[in-house]
Structure formats: structure tokens, C-alpha cells
């Protein structure tokens, strides 16, 4: 449960400050993929960021934890993220 709260707080911080207005759509897509996409496909999706291998490895360590969250709870997390993003002016997170 602590990990879920951490994810929500980081998303809230990133999305709801004025300087990140352009980042929100990409963050929304990445968060949805992070919660629901299998590891090999997600690895392909994040390759476009050209992150250092250590960062990718760290992200996948966290993903292993979130993959253990029940599907129903991941859906609830996505809905909560959607509500946060709506307040930030981004309306297309539910797809």
C-alpha cells in the first residue's frame, strides 16, 4: 500500500505544477503502461527515453512490486491518477 501512495504523490507533484503542463500526457501514458504492460513490451516503450541502464533496472525493480498489486487495485490506482490528471487539465487518461 505504501508504494501505491508513493506513486500517487509523485504523480500529483509532477502533474499539478504549472511547469509540467506538457509532461502530463506522456506521464499518463507511461504510468498506465507501467501498471498494465508486461515487462518486455514496457522495456521497448521506455527505450525511447534512452535512460541509463541503472535507471531502467531501478524502474523494473519497482515494477516487479507493482505487478504484485491485484489487477483491481491497479485499476483503482489508474482511476485515481485519472482524477489527478483531470484537475491538471489532461482529459484523456482513461483510454
PDB file of N, CA and C in Angstrom:
ATOM      1  N   UNK A   1       0.816  -1.188   0.000  1.00  0.00           N
ATOM      2  CA  UNK A   1       0.000   0.000   0.000  1.00  0.00           C
ATOM      3  C   UNK A   1       0.865   1.259   0.000  1.00  0.00           C
ATOM      4  N   UNK A   2       2.019   1.204   0.645  1.00  0.00           N
ATOM      5  CA  UNK A   2       2.893   2.368   0.673  1.00  0.00           C
ATOM      6  C   UNK A   2       3.386   2.739  -0.721  1.00  0.00           C
ATOM      7  N   UNK A   3       3.687   1.743  -1.540  1.00  0.00           N
ATOM      8  CA  UNK A   3       4.154   2.007  -2.896  1.00  0.00           C
ATOM      9  C   UNK A   3       3.081   2.735  -3.691  1.00  0.00           C
ATOM     10  N   UNK A   4       1.839   2.325  -3.555  1.00  0.00           N
ATOM     11  CA  UNK A   4       0.740   2.976  -4.263  1.00  0.00           C
ATOM     12  C   UNK A   4       0.650   4.440  -3.870  1.00  0.00           C
ATOM     13  N   UNK A   5       0.760   4.709  -2.594  1.00  0.00           N
ATOM     14  CA  UNK A   5       0.704   6.080  -2.117  1.00  0.00           C
ATOM     15  C   UNK A   5       1.869   6.886  -2.672  1.00  0.00           C
ATOM     16  N   UNK A   6       3.047   6.290  -2.714  1.00  0.00           N
ATOM     17  CA  UNK A   6       4.222   6.979  -3.261  1.00  0.00           C
ATOM     18  C   UNK A   6       4.025   7.327  -4.727  1.00  0.00           C
ATOM     19  N   UNK A   7       3.498   6.380  -5.494  1.00  0.00           N
ATOM     20  CA  UNK A   7       3.249   6.617  -6.920  1.00  0.00           C
ATOM     21  C   UNK A   7       2.265   7.761  -7.089  1.00  0.00           C
ATOM     22  N   UNK A   8       1.210   7.773  -6.310  1.00  0.00           N
ATOM     23  CA  UNK A   8       0.218   8.838  -6.410  1.00  0.00           C
ATOM     24  C   UNK A   8       0.803  10.193  -6.039  1.00  0.00           C
ATOM     25  N   UNK A   9       1.601  10.247  -4.992  1.00  0.00           N
ATOM     26  CA  UNK A   9       2.179  11.519  -4.568  1.00  0.00           C
ATOM     27  C   UNK A   9       3.162  12.069  -5.593  1.00  0.00           C
ATOM     28  N   UNK A  10       3.979  11.213  -6.158  1.00  0.00           N
ATOM     29  CA  UNK A  10       4.921  11.659  -7.189  1.00  0.00           C
ATOM     30  C   UNK A  10       4.161  12.162  -8.406  1.00  0.00           C
ATOM     31  N   UNK A  11       3.127  11.436  -8.817  1.00  0.00           N
ATOM     32  CA  UNK A  11       2.328  11.859  -9.963  1.00  0.00           C
ATOM     33  C   UNK A  11       1.664  13.196  -9.691  1.00  0.00           C
ATOM     34  N   UNK A  12       1.126  13.351  -8.511  1.00  0.00           N
ATOM     35  CA  UNK A  12       0.494  14.611  -8.142  1.00  0.00           C
ATOM     36  C   UNK A  12       1.497  15.751  -8.202  1.00  0.00           C
ATOM     37  N   UNK A  13       2.673  15.532  -7.673  1.00  0.00           N
ATOM     38  CA  UNK A  13       3.701  16.572  -7.680  1.00  0.00           C
ATOM     39  C   UNK A  13       4.129  16.929  -9.095  1.00  0.00           C
ATOM     40  N   UNK A  14       4.295  15.932  -9.949  1.00  0.00           N
ATOM     41  CA  UNK A  14       4.748  16.186 -11.316  1.00  0.00           C
ATOM     42  C   UNK A  14       3.672  16.813 -12.182  1.00  0.00           C
ATOM     43  N   UNK A  15       2.449  16.393 -12.003  1.00  0.00           N
ATOM     44  CA  UNK A  15       1.389  16.832 -12.904  1.00  0.00           C
ATOM     45  C   UNK A  15       0.745  18.145 -12.514  1.00  0.00           C
ATOM     46  N   UNK A  16       0.723  18.457 -11.277  1.00  0.00           N
ATOM     47  CA  UNK A  16      -0.064  19.610 -10.856  1.00  0.00           C
ATOM     48  C   UNK A  16       0.757  20.863 -10.605  1.00  0.00           C
ATOM     49  N   UNK A  17       1.938  20.916 -11.127  1.00  0.00           N
ATOM     50  CA  UNK A  17       2.641  22.188 -11.088  1.00  0.00           C
ATOM     51  C   UNK A  17       2.638  22.738 -12.511  1.00  0.00           C
ATOM     52  N   UNK A  18       2.579  24.032 -12.621  1.00  0.00           N
ATOM     53  CA  UNK A  18       2.393  24.666 -13.923  1.00  0.00           C
ATOM     54  C   UNK A  18       3.501  24.337 -14.917  1.00  0.00           C
ATOM     55  N   UNK A  19       4.711  24.169 -14.455  1.00  0.00           N
ATOM     56  CA  UNK A  19       5.834  23.932 -15.360  1.00  0.00           C
ATOM     57  C   UNK A  19       5.750  22.591 -16.070  1.00  0.00           C
ATOM     58  N   UNK A  20       4.940  21.677 -15.559  1.00  0.00           N
ATOM     59  CA  UNK A  20       4.900  20.336 -16.142  1.00  0.00           C
ATOM     60  C   UNK A  20       3.691  20.108 -17.038  1.00  0.00           C
ATOM     61  N   UNK A  21       3.058  21.146 -17.473  1.00  0.00           N
ATOM     62  CA  UNK A  21       1.835  21.027 -18.263  1.00  0.00           C
ATOM     63  C   UNK A  21       2.018  20.140 -19.491  1.00  0.00           C
ATOM     64  N   UNK A  22       3.160  20.221 -20.140  1.00  0.00           N
ATOM     65  CA  UNK A  22       3.412  19.427 -21.340  1.00  0.00           C
ATOM     66  C   UNK A  22       3.759  17.988 -20.978  1.00  0.00           C
ATOM     67  N   UNK A  23       4.312  17.766 -19.811  1.00  0.00           N
ATOM     68  CA  UNK A  23       4.736  16.434 -19.394  1.00  0.00           C
ATOM     69  C   UNK A  23       3.549  15.527 -19.095  1.00  0.00           C
ATOM     70  N   UNK A  24       2.444  16.078 -18.648  1.00  0.00           N
ATOM     71  CA  UNK A  24       1.304  15.275 -18.195  1.00  0.00           C
ATOM     72  C   UNK A  24       0.865  14.182 -19.168  1.00  0.00           C
ATOM     73  N   UNK A  25       0.654  14.459 -20.459  1.00  0.00           N
ATOM     74  CA  UNK A  25       0.203  13.377 -21.346  1.00  0.00           C
ATOM     75  C   UNK A  25       1.188  12.212 -21.412  1.00  0.00           C
ATOM     76  N   UNK A  26       2.463  12.506 -21.478  1.00  0.00           N
ATOM     77  CA  UNK A  26       3.463  11.443 -21.556  1.00  0.00           C
ATOM     78  C   UNK A  26       3.561  10.680 -20.239  1.00  0.00           C
ATOM     79  N   UNK A  27       3.446  11.399 -19.142  1.00  0.00           N
ATOM     80  CA  UNK A  27       3.466  10.744 -17.839  1.00  0.00           C
ATOM     81  C   UNK A  27       2.245   9.844 -17.682  1.00  0.00           C
ATOM     82  N   UNK A  28       1.099  10.297 -18.148  1.00  0.00           N
ATOM     83  CA  UNK A  28      -0.124   9.496 -18.052  1.00  0.00           C
ATOM     84  C   UNK A  28       0.018   8.199 -18.837  1.00  0.00           C
ATOM     85  N   UNK A  29       0.537   8.293 -20.028  1.00  0.00           N
ATOM     86  CA  UNK A  29       0.726   7.099 -20.861  1.00  0.00           C
ATOM     87  C   UNK A  29       1.732   6.160 -20.204  1.00  0.00           C
ATOM     88  N   UNK A  30       2.828   6.730 -19.700  1.00  0.00           N
ATOM     89  CA  UNK A  30       3.849   5.906 -19.061  1.00  0.00           C
ATOM     90  C   UNK A  30       3.311   5.234 -17.800  1.00  0.00           C
ATOM     91  N   UNK A  31       2.551   5.958 -16.991  1.00  0.00           N
ATOM     92  CA  UNK A  31       2.012   5.372 -15.759  1.00  0.00           C
ATOM     93  C   UNK A  31       1.040   4.241 -16.066  1.00  0.00           C
ATOM     94  N   UNK A  32       0.220   4.433 -17.073  1.00  0.00           N
ATOM     95  CA  UNK A  32      -0.723   3.379 -17.450  1.00  0.00           C
ATOM     96  C   UNK A  32       0.031   2.145 -17.937  1.00  0.00           C
ATOM     97  N   UNK A  33       1.032   2.360 -18.765  1.00  0.00           N
ATOM     98  CA  UNK A  33       1.844   1.241 -19.255  1.00  0.00           C
ATOM     99  C   UNK A  33       2.580   0.568 -18.106  1.00  0.00           C
ATOM    100  N   UNK A  34       3.098   1.373 -17.191  1.00  0.00           N
ATOM    101  CA  UNK A  34       3.826   0.847 -16.038  1.00  0.00           C
ATOM    102  C   UNK A  34       2.941  -0.092 -15.220  1.00  0.00           C
ATOM    103  N   UNK A  35       1.674   0.263 -15.089  1.00  0.00           N
ATOM    104  CA  UNK A  35       0.757  -0.538 -14.277  1.00  0.00           C
ATOM    105  C   UNK A  35       0.246  -1.788 -14.988  1.00  0.00           C
ATOM    106  N   UNK A  36       0.108  -1.743 -16.324  1.00  0.00           N
ATOM    107  CA  UNK A  36      -0.621  -2.811 -17.009  1.00  0.00           C
ATOM    108  C   UNK A  36       0.142  -3.555 -18.104  1.00  0.00           C
ATOM    109  N   UNK A  37       1.283  -3.051 -18.546  1.00  0.00           N
ATOM    110  CA  UNK A  37       2.002  -3.676 -19.655  1.00  0.00           C
ATOM    111  C   UNK A  37       3.005  -4.698 -19.126  1.00  0.00           C
ATOM    112  N   UNK A  38       3.174  -5.795 -19.869  1.00  0.00           N
ATOM    113  CA  UNK A  38       4.152  -6.800 -19.439  1.00  0.00           C
ATOM    114  C   UNK A  38       5.577  -6.250 -19.622  1.00  0.00           C
ATOM    115  N   UNK A  39       6.524  -6.853 -18.924  1.00  0.00           N
ATOM    116  CA  UNK A  39       7.892  -6.330 -18.875  1.00  0.00           C
ATOM    117  C   UNK A  39       8.564  -6.164 -20.241  1.00  0.00           C
ATOM    118  N   UNK A  40       8.557  -7.175 -21.121  1.00  0.00           N
ATOM    119  CA  UNK A  40       9.255  -6.993 -22.406  1.00  0.00           C
ATOM    120  C   UNK A  40       8.684  -5.836 -23.239  1.00  0.00           C
ATOM    121  N   UNK A  41       7.378  -5.710 -23.267  1.00  0.00           N
ATOM    122  CA  UNK A  41       6.761  -4.630 -24.039  1.00  0.00           C
ATOM    123  C   UNK A  41       7.037  -3.277 -23.394  1.00  0.00           C
ATOM    124  N   UNK A  42       6.978  -3.222 -22.083  1.00  0.00           N
ATOM    125  CA  UNK A  42       7.243  -1.963 -21.387  1.00  0.00           C
ATOM    126  C   UNK A  42       8.694  -1.527 -21.594  1.00  0.00           C
ATOM    127  N   UNK A  43       9.595  -2.491 -21.623  1.00  0.00           N
ATOM    128  CA  UNK A  43      11.011  -2.168 -21.857  1.00  0.00           C
ATOM    129  C   UNK A  43      11.189  -1.508 -23.224  1.00  0.00           C
ATOM    130  N   UNK A  44      10.463  -2.000 -24.220  1.00  0.00           N
ATOM    131  CA  UNK A  44      10.505  -1.376 -25.547  1.00  0.00           C
ATOM    132  C   UNK A  44       9.933   0.037 -25.504  1.00  0.00           C
ATOM    133  N   UNK A  45       8.861   0.227 -24.749  1.00  0.00           N
ATOM    134  CA  UNK A  45       8.226   1.543 -24.679  1.00  0.00           C
ATOM    135  C   UNK A  45       9.121   2.582 -24.018  1.00  0.00           C
ATOM    136  N   UNK A  46       9.852   2.184 -22.985  1.00  0.00           N
ATOM    137  CA  UNK A  46      10.683   3.184 -22.303  1.00  0.00           C
ATOM    138  C   UNK A  46      12.056   3.354 -22.951  1.00  0.00           C
ATOM    139  N   UNK A  47      12.380   2.533 -23.922  1.00  0.00           N
ATOM    140  CA  UNK A  47      13.670   2.661 -24.609  1.00  0.00           C
ATOM    141  C   UNK A  47      13.812   4.024 -25.281  1.00  0.00           C
ATOM    142  N   UNK A  48      12.699   4.630 -25.676  1.00  0.00           N
ATOM    143  CA  UNK A  48      12.749   5.935 -26.349  1.00  0.00           C
ATOM    144  C   UNK A  48      13.318   7.034 -25.453  1.00  0.00           C
ATOM    145  N   UNK A  49      13.299   6.827 -24.135  1.00  0.00           N
ATOM    146  CA  UNK A  49      13.834   7.829 -23.210  1.00  0.00           C
ATOM    147  C   UNK A  49      15.352   7.759 -23.085  1.00  0.00           C
ATOM    148  N   UNK A  50      15.944   6.680 -23.564  1.00  0.00           N
ATOM    149  CA  UNK A  50      17.394   6.483 -23.524  1.00  0.00           C
ATOM    150  C   UNK A  50      17.965   6.708 -22.120  1.00  0.00           C
ATOM    151  N   UNK A  51      17.290   6.153 -21.148  1.00  0.00           N
ATOM    152  CA  UNK A  51      17.731   6.274 -19.751  1.00  0.00           C
ATOM    153  C   UNK A  51      18.944   5.388 -19.508  1.00  0.00           C
ATOM    154  N   UNK A  52      19.762   5.759 -18.541  1.00  0.00           N
ATOM    155  CA  UNK A  52      20.908   4.909 -18.194  1.00  0.00           C
ATOM    156  C   UNK A  52      20.424   3.533 -17.729  1.00  0.00           C
ATOM    157  N   UNK A  53      21.211   2.501 -17.982  1.00  0.00           N
ATOM    158  CA  UNK A  53      20.804   1.140 -17.596  1.00  0.00           C
ATOM    159  C   UNK A  53      20.447   1.009 -16.113  1.00  0.00           C
ATOM    160  N   UNK A  54      21.146   1.760 -15.259  1.00  0.00           N
ATOM    161  CA  UNK A  54      20.860   1.693 -13.820  1.00  0.00           C
ATOM    162  C   UNK A  54      19.455   2.206 -13.526  1.00  0.00           C
ATOM    163  N   UNK A  55      19.045   3.259 -14.227  1.00  0.00           N
ATOM    164  CA  UNK A  55      17.706   3.821 -14.021  1.00  0.00           C
ATOM    165  C   UNK A  55      16.633   2.854 -14.506  1.00  0.00           C
ATOM    166  N   UNK A  56      16.890   2.219 -15.643  1.00  0.00           N
ATOM    167  CA  UNK A  56      15.934   1.242 -16.180  1.00  0.00           C
ATOM    168  C   UNK A  56      15.812   0.064 -15.220  1.00  0.00           C
ATOM    169  N   UNK A  57      16.946  -0.393 -14.715  1.00  0.00           N
ATOM    170  CA  UNK A  57      16.925  -1.512 -13.767  1.00  0.00           C
ATOM    171  C   UNK A  57      16.148  -1.144 -12.501  1.00  0.00           C
ATOM    172  N   UNK A  58      16.362   0.070 -12.005  1.00  0.00           N
ATOM    173  CA  UNK A  58      15.647   0.517 -10.805  1.00  0.00           C
ATOM    174  C   UNK A  58      14.147   0.599 -11.065  1.00  0.00           C
ATOM    175  N   UNK A  59      13.785   1.094 -12.240  1.00  0.00           N
ATOM    176  CA  UNK A  59      12.358   1.194 -12.575  1.00  0.00           C
ATOM    177  C   UNK A  59      11.728  -0.193 -12.629  1.00  0.00           C
ATOM    178  N   UNK A  60      12.448  -1.164 -13.167  1.00  0.00           N
ATOM    179  CA  UNK A  60      11.898  -2.517 -13.250  1.00  0.00           C
ATOM    180  C   UNK A  60      11.838  -3.200 -11.884  1.00  0.00           C
ATOM    181  N   UNK A  61      12.710  -2.807 -10.972  1.00  0.00           N
ATOM    182  CA  UNK A  61      12.595  -3.330  -9.610  1.00  0.00           C
ATOM    183  C   UNK A  61      11.291  -2.856  -8.979  1.00  0.00           C
ATOM    184  N   UNK A  62      10.971  -1.584  -9.190  1.00  0.00           N
ATOM    185  CA  UNK A  62       9.706  -1.053  -8.674  1.00  0.00           C
ATOM    186  C   UNK A  62       8.537  -1.703  -9.397  1.00  0.00           C
ATOM    187  N   UNK A  63       8.679  -1.908 -10.710  1.00  0.00           N
ATOM    188  CA  UNK A  63       7.602  -2.526 -11.485  1.00  0.00           C
ATOM    189  C   UNK A  63       7.307  -3.940 -10.981  1.00  0.00           C
ATOM    190  N   UNK A  64       8.328  -4.666 -10.568  1.00  0.00           N
ATOM    191  CA  UNK A  64       8.102  -6.004 -10.016  1.00  0.00           C
ATOM    192  C   UNK A  64       7.186  -5.926  -8.795  1.00  0.00           C
ATOM    193  N   UNK A  65       7.361  -4.890  -7.992  1.00  0.00           N
ATOM    194  CA  UNK A  65       6.488  -4.707  -6.816  1.00  0.00           C
ATOM    195  C   UNK A  65       5.065  -4.354  -7.234  1.00  0.00           C
ATOM    196  N   UNK A  66       4.937  -3.424  -8.177  1.00  0.00           N
ATOM    197  CA  UNK A  66       3.586  -3.022  -8.585  1.00  0.00           C
ATOM    198  C   UNK A  66       2.874  -4.142  -9.325  1.00  0.00           C
ATOM    199  N   UNK A  67       3.621  -5.016  -9.976  1.00  0.00           N
ATOM    200  CA  UNK A  67       2.991  -6.148 -10.657  1.00  0.00           C
ATOM    201  C   UNK A  67       2.336  -7.106  -9.666  1.00  0.00           C
ATOM    202  N   UNK A  68       2.757  -7.046  -8.411  1.00  0.00           N
ATOM    203  CA  UNK A  68       2.156  -7.891  -7.381  1.00  0.00           C
ATOM    204  C   UNK A  68       0.850  -7.321  -6.836  1.00  0.00           C
ATOM    205  N   UNK A  69       0.565  -6.059  -7.143  1.00  0.00           N
ATOM    206  CA  UNK A  69      -0.701  -5.451  -6.728  1.00  0.00           C
ATOM    207  C   UNK A  69      -1.806  -6.091  -7.559  1.00  0.00           C
ATOM    208  N   UNK A  70      -2.913  -6.401  -6.941  1.00  0.00           N
ATOM    209  CA  UNK A  70      -4.008  -7.046  -7.670  1.00  0.00           C
ATOM    210  C   UNK A  70      -4.470  -6.160  -8.827  1.00  0.00           C
ATOM    211  N   UNK A  71      -5.003  -6.798  -9.854  1.00  0.00           N
ATOM    212  CA  UNK A  71      -5.476  -6.063 -11.030  1.00  0.00           C
ATOM    213  C   UNK A  71      -6.521  -5.027 -10.626  1.00  0.00           C
ATOM    214  N   UNK A  72      -7.428  -5.405  -9.738  1.00  0.00           N
ATOM    215  CA  UNK A  72      -8.486  -4.494  -9.299  1.00  0.00           C
ATOM    216  C   UNK A  72      -7.899  -3.251  -8.632  1.00  0.00           C
ATOM    217  N   UNK A  73      -6.878  -3.445  -7.814  1.00  0.00           N
ATOM    218  CA  UNK A  73      -6.249  -2.300  -7.152  1.00  0.00           C
ATOM    219  C   UNK A  73      -5.462  -1.440  -8.135  1.00  0.00           C
ATOM    220  N   UNK A  74      -4.858  -2.066  -9.142  1.00  0.00           N
ATOM    221  CA  UNK A  74      -4.172  -1.271 -10.172  1.00  0.00           C
ATOM    222  C   UNK A  74      -5.174  -0.433 -10.954  1.00  0.00           C
ATOM    223  N   UNK A  75      -6.362  -0.974 -11.189  1.00  0.00           N
ATOM    224  CA  UNK A  75      -7.416  -0.196 -11.852  1.00  0.00           C
ATOM    225  C   UNK A  75      -7.806   0.992 -10.974  1.00  0.00           C
ATOM    226  N   UNK A  76      -7.917   0.768  -9.673  1.00  0.00           N
ATOM    227  CA  UNK A  76      -8.232   1.870  -8.753  1.00  0.00           C
ATOM    228  C   UNK A  76      -7.135   2.936  -8.764  1.00  0.00           C
ATOM    229  N   UNK A  77      -5.882   2.507  -8.817  1.00  0.00           N
ATOM    230  CA  UNK A  77      -4.770   3.457  -8.894  1.00  0.00           C
ATOM    231  C   UNK A  77      -4.878   4.270 -10.177  1.00  0.00           C
ATOM    232  N   UNK A  78      -5.172   3.603 -11.290  1.00  0.00           N
ATOM    233  CA  UNK A  78      -5.293   4.312 -12.566  1.00  0.00           C
ATOM    234  C   UNK A  78      -6.438   5.317 -12.521  1.00  0.00           C
ATOM    235  N   UNK A  79      -7.553   4.933 -11.916  1.00  0.00           N
ATOM    236  CA  UNK A  79      -8.684   5.863 -11.807  1.00  0.00           C
ATOM    237  C   UNK A  79      -8.310   7.076 -10.961  1.00  0.00           C
ATOM    238  N   UNK A  80      -7.581   6.844  -9.886  1.00  0.00           N
ATOM    239  CA  UNK A  80      -7.151   7.947  -9.031  1.00  0.00           C
ATOM    240  C   UNK A  80      -6.189   8.859  -9.779  1.00  0.00           C
ATOM    241  N   UNK A  81      -5.256   8.271 -10.515  1.00  0.00           N
ATOM    242  CA  UNK A  81      -4.347   9.076 -11.340  1.00  0.00           C
ATOM    243  C   UNK A  81      -5.129   9.882 -12.367  1.00  0.00           C
ATOM    244  N   UNK A  82      -6.162   9.269 -12.932  1.00  0.00           N
ATOM    245  CA  UNK A  82      -7.009   9.969 -13.893  1.00  0.00           C
ATOM    246  C   UNK A  82      -7.666  11.188 -13.277  1.00  0.00           C
ATOM    247  N   UNK A  83      -8.143  11.056 -12.043  1.00  0.00           N
ATOM    248  CA  UNK A  83      -8.770  12.193 -11.356  1.00  0.00           C
ATOM    249  C   UNK A  83      -7.757  13.303 -11.111  1.00  0.00           C
ATOM    250  N   UNK A  84      -6.542  12.922 -10.742  1.00  0.00           N
ATOM    251  CA  UNK A  84      -5.489  13.917 -10.535  1.00  0.00           C
ATOM    252  C   UNK A  84      -5.196  14.642 -11.844  1.00  0.00           C
ATOM    253  N   UNK A  85      -5.066  13.878 -12.920  1.00  0.00           N
ATOM    254  CA  UNK A  85      -4.742  14.481 -14.213  1.00  0.00           C
ATOM    255  C   UNK A  85      -5.874  15.357 -14.729  1.00  0.00           C
ATOM    256  N   UNK A  86      -7.113  15.000 -14.443  1.00  0.00           N
ATOM    257  CA  UNK A  86      -8.236  15.856 -14.835  1.00  0.00           C
ATOM    258  C   UNK A  86      -8.118  17.226 -14.183  1.00  0.00           C
ATOM    259  N   UNK A  87      -7.708  17.251 -12.939  1.00  0.00           N
ATOM    260  CA  UNK A  87      -7.520  18.528 -12.243  1.00  0.00           C
ATOM    261  C   UNK A  87      -6.380  19.331 -12.860  1.00  0.00           C
ATOM    262  N   UNK A  88      -5.462  18.642 -13.512  1.00  0.00           N
ATOM    263  CA  UNK A  88      -4.334  19.315 -14.167  1.00  0.00           C
ATOM    264  C   UNK A  88      -4.671  19.730 -15.598  1.00  0.00           C
ATOM    265  N   UNK A  89      -5.860  19.391 -16.057  1.00  0.00           N
ATOM    266  CA  UNK A  89      -6.269  19.796 -17.393  1.00  0.00           C
ATOM    267  C   UNK A  89      -6.055  18.754 -18.465  1.00  0.00           C
ATOM    268  N   UNK A  90      -5.631  17.558 -18.103  1.00  0.00           N
ATOM    269  CA  UNK A  90      -5.429  16.485 -19.077  1.00  0.00           C
ATOM    270  C   UNK A  90      -6.615  15.554 -19.001  1.00  0.00           C
ATOM    271  N   UNK A  91      -7.312  15.346 -20.127  1.00  0.00           N
ATOM    272  CA  UNK A  91      -8.594  14.639 -20.080  1.00  0.00           C
ATOM    273  C   UNK A  91      -8.580  13.248 -20.684  1.00  0.00           C
ATOM    274  N   UNK A  92      -7.477  12.769 -21.218  1.00  0.00           N
ATOM    275  CA  UNK A  92      -7.524  11.509 -21.960  1.00  0.00           C
ATOM    276  C   UNK A  92      -6.672  10.423 -21.313  1.00  0.00           C
ATOM    277  N   UNK A  93      -6.837  10.196 -20.024  1.00  0.00           N
ATOM    278  CA  UNK A  93      -6.056   9.162 -19.339  1.00  0.00           C
ATOM    279  C   UNK A  93      -6.811   7.847 -19.262  1.00  0.00           C
ATOM    280  N   UNK A  94      -8.093   7.858 -19.487  1.00  0.00           N
ATOM    281  CA  UNK A  94      -8.897   6.655 -19.293  1.00  0.00           C
ATOM    282  C   UNK A  94      -8.768   5.663 -20.427  1.00  0.00           C
ATOM    283  N   UNK A  95      -8.200   6.030 -21.545  1.00  0.00           N
ATOM    284  CA  UNK A  95      -8.079   5.108 -22.690  1.00  0.00           C
ATOM    285  C   UNK A  95      -6.894   4.214 -22.546  1.00  0.00           C
TER     286      UNK A  95
END
